[in-house]
Amino acid sequence: MPAELPEWVPAARRAVGDRIRVRRLQQTMTQESLAHAAGIDRSTIQRMEAGHEMKLSHLLLVAHALRVHVVDLLHG
């Protein structure tokens, strides 16, 4: 893996994090309640929403907990 990622990669991660946050807030969920529903730590939700690297398994769990298809989070 290259030392530095192209700028579009972190920008895409931030966009995914923004879509997670928007969906969560639309459903009046806190980070804590989403984490509980997804079966992961709140800090993981926080990192995902901030656009940090995320595991595919976490993204799938969050999508399921938000009742959306994972593609909706990836492509908006």
N, C-alpha and C. Protein backbone atom coordinates (compact mmCIF):
# COMPACT_ATOMS: atom_id res chain seq x y z
N MET A 1 0.85 -1.18 0.00
CA MET A 1 0.00 0.00 0.00
C MET A 1 0.90 1.24 0.00
N PRO A 2 0.55 2.23 -0.80
CA PRO A 2 1.39 3.43 -0.85
C PRO A 2 1.39 4.17 0.48
N ALA A 3 2.47 4.91 0.71
CA ALA A 3 2.61 5.65 1.96
C ALA A 3 1.52 6.70 2.11
N GLU A 4 1.24 7.40 1.02
CA GLU A 4 0.19 8.43 1.07
C GLU A 4 -0.92 8.06 0.13
N LEU A 5 -2.14 8.21 0.63
CA LEU A 5 -3.30 7.92 -0.20
C LEU A 5 -3.63 9.12 -1.08
N PRO A 6 -4.21 8.87 -2.25
CA PRO A 6 -4.70 9.99 -3.05
C PRO A 6 -5.76 10.75 -2.24
N GLU A 7 -5.86 12.05 -2.47
CA GLU A 7 -6.77 12.90 -1.69
C GLU A 7 -8.23 12.44 -1.77
N TRP A 8 -8.61 11.79 -2.87
CA TRP A 8 -10.01 11.39 -3.01
C TRP A 8 -10.40 10.29 -2.01
N VAL A 9 -9.41 9.53 -1.51
CA VAL A 9 -9.73 8.44 -0.57
C VAL A 9 -10.20 9.01 0.78
N PRO A 10 -9.42 9.89 1.43
CA PRO A 10 -9.93 10.45 2.69
C PRO A 10 -11.20 11.29 2.47
N ALA A 11 -11.32 11.94 1.32
CA ALA A 11 -12.53 12.72 1.04
C ALA A 11 -13.74 11.78 0.95
N ALA A 12 -13.56 10.63 0.33
CA ALA A 12 -14.66 9.66 0.23
C ALA A 12 -15.01 9.10 1.60
N ARG A 13 -14.00 8.86 2.44
CA ARG A 13 -14.29 8.37 3.80
C ARG A 13 -15.07 9.41 4.59
N ARG A 14 -14.70 10.68 4.45
CA ARG A 14 -15.45 11.74 5.14
C ARG A 14 -16.89 11.79 4.65
N ALA A 15 -17.10 11.60 3.35
CA ALA A 15 -18.46 11.61 2.80
C ALA A 15 -19.28 10.46 3.36
N VAL A 16 -18.67 9.28 3.49
CA VAL A 16 -19.37 8.14 4.08
C VAL A 16 -19.71 8.46 5.54
N GLY A 17 -18.78 9.02 6.26
CA GLY A 17 -19.03 9.39 7.66
C GLY A 17 -20.15 10.40 7.78
N ASP A 18 -20.19 11.35 6.87
CA ASP A 18 -21.27 12.35 6.88
C ASP A 18 -22.62 11.68 6.62
N ARG A 19 -22.65 10.73 5.68
CA ARG A 19 -23.92 10.04 5.39
C ARG A 19 -24.38 9.20 6.58
N ILE A 20 -23.43 8.59 7.29
CA ILE A 20 -23.79 7.84 8.50
C ILE A 20 -24.41 8.79 9.52
N ARG A 21 -23.75 9.93 9.75
CA ARG A 21 -24.25 10.91 10.73
C ARG A 21 -25.65 11.40 10.35
N VAL A 22 -25.85 11.74 9.09
CA VAL A 22 -27.14 12.25 8.63
C VAL A 22 -28.23 11.20 8.85
N ARG A 23 -27.96 9.97 8.45
CA ARG A 23 -28.96 8.90 8.64
C ARG A 23 -29.25 8.68 10.12
N ARG A 24 -28.20 8.71 10.93
CA ARG A 24 -28.38 8.50 12.37
C ARG A 24 -29.25 9.60 12.96
N LEU A 25 -28.98 10.84 12.61
CA LEU A 25 -29.74 11.96 13.14
C LEU A 25 -31.17 11.97 12.62
N GLN A 26 -31.37 11.56 11.37
CA GLN A 26 -32.73 11.46 10.81
C GLN A 26 -33.57 10.48 11.62
N GLN A 27 -32.91 9.49 12.18
CA GLN A 27 -33.62 8.48 12.98
C GLN A 27 -33.56 8.80 14.47
N THR A 28 -33.16 10.01 14.78
CA THR A 28 -33.04 10.50 16.16
C THR A 28 -32.28 9.51 17.06
N MET A 29 -31.18 9.02 16.53
CA MET A 29 -30.33 8.11 17.29
C MET A 29 -29.09 8.86 17.76
N THR A 30 -28.61 8.50 18.92
CA THR A 30 -27.32 9.00 19.39
C THR A 30 -26.24 8.06 18.86
N GLN A 31 -24.99 8.49 18.98
CA GLN A 31 -23.90 7.59 18.62
C GLN A 31 -23.96 6.35 19.50
N GLU A 32 -24.30 6.55 20.75
CA GLU A 32 -24.38 5.42 21.69
C GLU A 32 -25.48 4.43 21.28
N SER A 33 -26.65 4.94 20.91
CA SER A 33 -27.74 4.03 20.54
C SER A 33 -27.44 3.31 19.23
N LEU A 34 -26.80 3.99 18.29
CA LEU A 34 -26.41 3.34 17.04
C LEU A 34 -25.36 2.27 17.31
N ALA A 35 -24.41 2.59 18.15
CA ALA A 35 -23.38 1.61 18.49
C ALA A 35 -23.99 0.37 19.13
N HIS A 36 -24.93 0.60 20.03
CA HIS A 36 -25.61 -0.53 20.69
C HIS A 36 -26.36 -1.37 19.66
N ALA A 37 -27.10 -0.72 18.77
CA ALA A 37 -27.87 -1.44 17.76
C ALA A 37 -26.97 -2.20 16.79
N ALA A 38 -25.79 -1.65 16.52
CA ALA A 38 -24.85 -2.29 15.59
C ALA A 38 -23.95 -3.31 16.28
N GLY A 39 -23.90 -3.26 17.61
CA GLY A 39 -23.05 -4.20 18.35
C GLY A 39 -21.58 -3.84 18.31
N ILE A 40 -21.29 -2.54 18.21
CA ILE A 40 -19.91 -2.08 18.21
C ILE A 40 -19.76 -0.94 19.22
N ASP A 41 -18.54 -0.51 19.45
CA ASP A 41 -18.28 0.56 20.42
C ASP A 41 -18.69 1.93 19.88
N ARG A 42 -19.09 2.82 20.78
CA ARG A 42 -19.42 4.19 20.39
C ARG A 42 -18.22 4.88 19.75
N SER A 43 -17.04 4.59 20.26
CA SER A 43 -15.84 5.22 19.69
C SER A 43 -15.64 4.81 18.23
N THR A 44 -16.09 3.63 17.86
CA THR A 44 -16.02 3.20 16.46
C THR A 44 -16.95 4.04 15.61
N ILE A 45 -18.16 4.30 16.11
CA ILE A 45 -19.10 5.16 15.39
C ILE A 45 -18.50 6.55 15.25
N GLN A 46 -17.93 7.05 16.32
CA GLN A 46 -17.32 8.38 16.31
C GLN A 46 -16.22 8.46 15.24
N ARG A 47 -15.36 7.45 15.19
CA ARG A 47 -14.29 7.44 14.19
C ARG A 47 -14.84 7.34 12.77
N MET A 48 -15.86 6.51 12.59
CA MET A 48 -16.47 6.37 11.26
C MET A 48 -17.05 7.69 10.80
N GLU A 49 -17.79 8.35 11.68
CA GLU A 49 -18.41 9.63 11.32
C GLU A 49 -17.37 10.71 11.05
N ALA A 50 -16.20 10.57 11.66
CA ALA A 50 -15.12 11.54 11.46
C ALA A 50 -14.34 11.26 10.18
N GLY A 51 -14.65 10.15 9.52
CA GLY A 51 -14.00 9.85 8.25
C GLY A 51 -12.70 9.08 8.37
N HIS A 52 -12.48 8.43 9.52
CA HIS A 52 -11.28 7.62 9.68
C HIS A 52 -11.47 6.29 8.96
N GLU A 53 -10.39 5.54 8.85
CA GLU A 53 -10.48 4.21 8.23
C GLU A 53 -11.53 3.40 8.98
N MET A 54 -12.27 2.59 8.21
CA MET A 54 -13.31 1.77 8.83
C MET A 54 -13.29 0.39 8.21
N LYS A 55 -13.59 -0.58 9.03
CA LYS A 55 -13.69 -1.96 8.55
C LYS A 55 -15.00 -2.13 7.79
N LEU A 56 -14.94 -2.96 6.77
CA LEU A 56 -16.15 -3.26 6.01
C LEU A 56 -17.20 -3.89 6.92
N SER A 57 -16.77 -4.75 7.83
CA SER A 57 -17.74 -5.40 8.73
C SER A 57 -18.46 -4.36 9.59
N HIS A 58 -17.74 -3.33 10.05
CA HIS A 58 -18.39 -2.28 10.83
C HIS A 58 -19.37 -1.50 9.98
N LEU A 59 -18.98 -1.20 8.74
CA LEU A 59 -19.88 -0.47 7.85
C LEU A 59 -21.15 -1.27 7.58
N LEU A 60 -21.01 -2.57 7.39
CA LEU A 60 -22.18 -3.43 7.18
C LEU A 60 -23.08 -3.46 8.41
N LEU A 61 -22.48 -3.55 9.59
CA LEU A 61 -23.28 -3.55 10.83
C LEU A 61 -24.02 -2.24 11.03
N VAL A 62 -23.36 -1.13 10.73
CA VAL A 62 -23.99 0.19 10.87
C VAL A 62 -25.12 0.34 9.87
N ALA A 63 -24.90 -0.08 8.64
CA ALA A 63 -25.96 0.00 7.63
C ALA A 63 -27.18 -0.81 8.06
N HIS A 64 -26.93 -2.00 8.58
CA HIS A 64 -28.04 -2.84 9.05
C HIS A 64 -28.79 -2.17 10.20
N ALA A 65 -28.04 -1.61 11.14
CA ALA A 65 -28.67 -0.95 12.29
C ALA A 65 -29.47 0.28 11.86
N LEU A 66 -29.01 0.96 10.81
CA LEU A 66 -29.73 2.14 10.30
C LEU A 66 -30.85 1.75 9.32
N ARG A 67 -30.95 0.47 9.02
CA ARG A 67 -31.96 -0.06 8.09
C ARG A 67 -31.81 0.56 6.70
N VAL A 68 -30.57 0.64 6.23
CA VAL A 68 -30.29 1.10 4.88
C VAL A 68 -29.33 0.10 4.23
N HIS A 69 -29.29 0.10 2.92
CA HIS A 69 -28.33 -0.74 2.22
C HIS A 69 -26.97 -0.07 2.30
N VAL A 70 -25.94 -0.86 2.43
CA VAL A 70 -24.60 -0.31 2.56
C VAL A 70 -24.25 0.60 1.38
N VAL A 71 -24.79 0.31 0.21
CA VAL A 71 -24.54 1.15 -0.97
C VAL A 71 -25.04 2.57 -0.74
N ASP A 72 -26.13 2.72 0.01
CA ASP A 72 -26.65 4.05 0.31
C ASP A 72 -25.66 4.88 1.11
N LEU A 73 -24.88 4.21 1.94
CA LEU A 73 -23.86 4.92 2.72
C LEU A 73 -22.61 5.20 1.88
N LEU A 74 -22.33 4.32 0.94
CA LEU A 74 -21.14 4.49 0.10
C LEU A 74 -21.36 5.53 -1.00
N HIS A 75 -22.54 5.55 -1.57
CA HIS A 75 -22.80 6.42 -2.72
C HIS A 75 -23.80 7.54 -2.44
N GLY A 76 -24.48 7.46 -1.33
CA GLY A 76 -25.43 8.51 -0.99
C GLY A 76 -26.55 8.53 -1.92
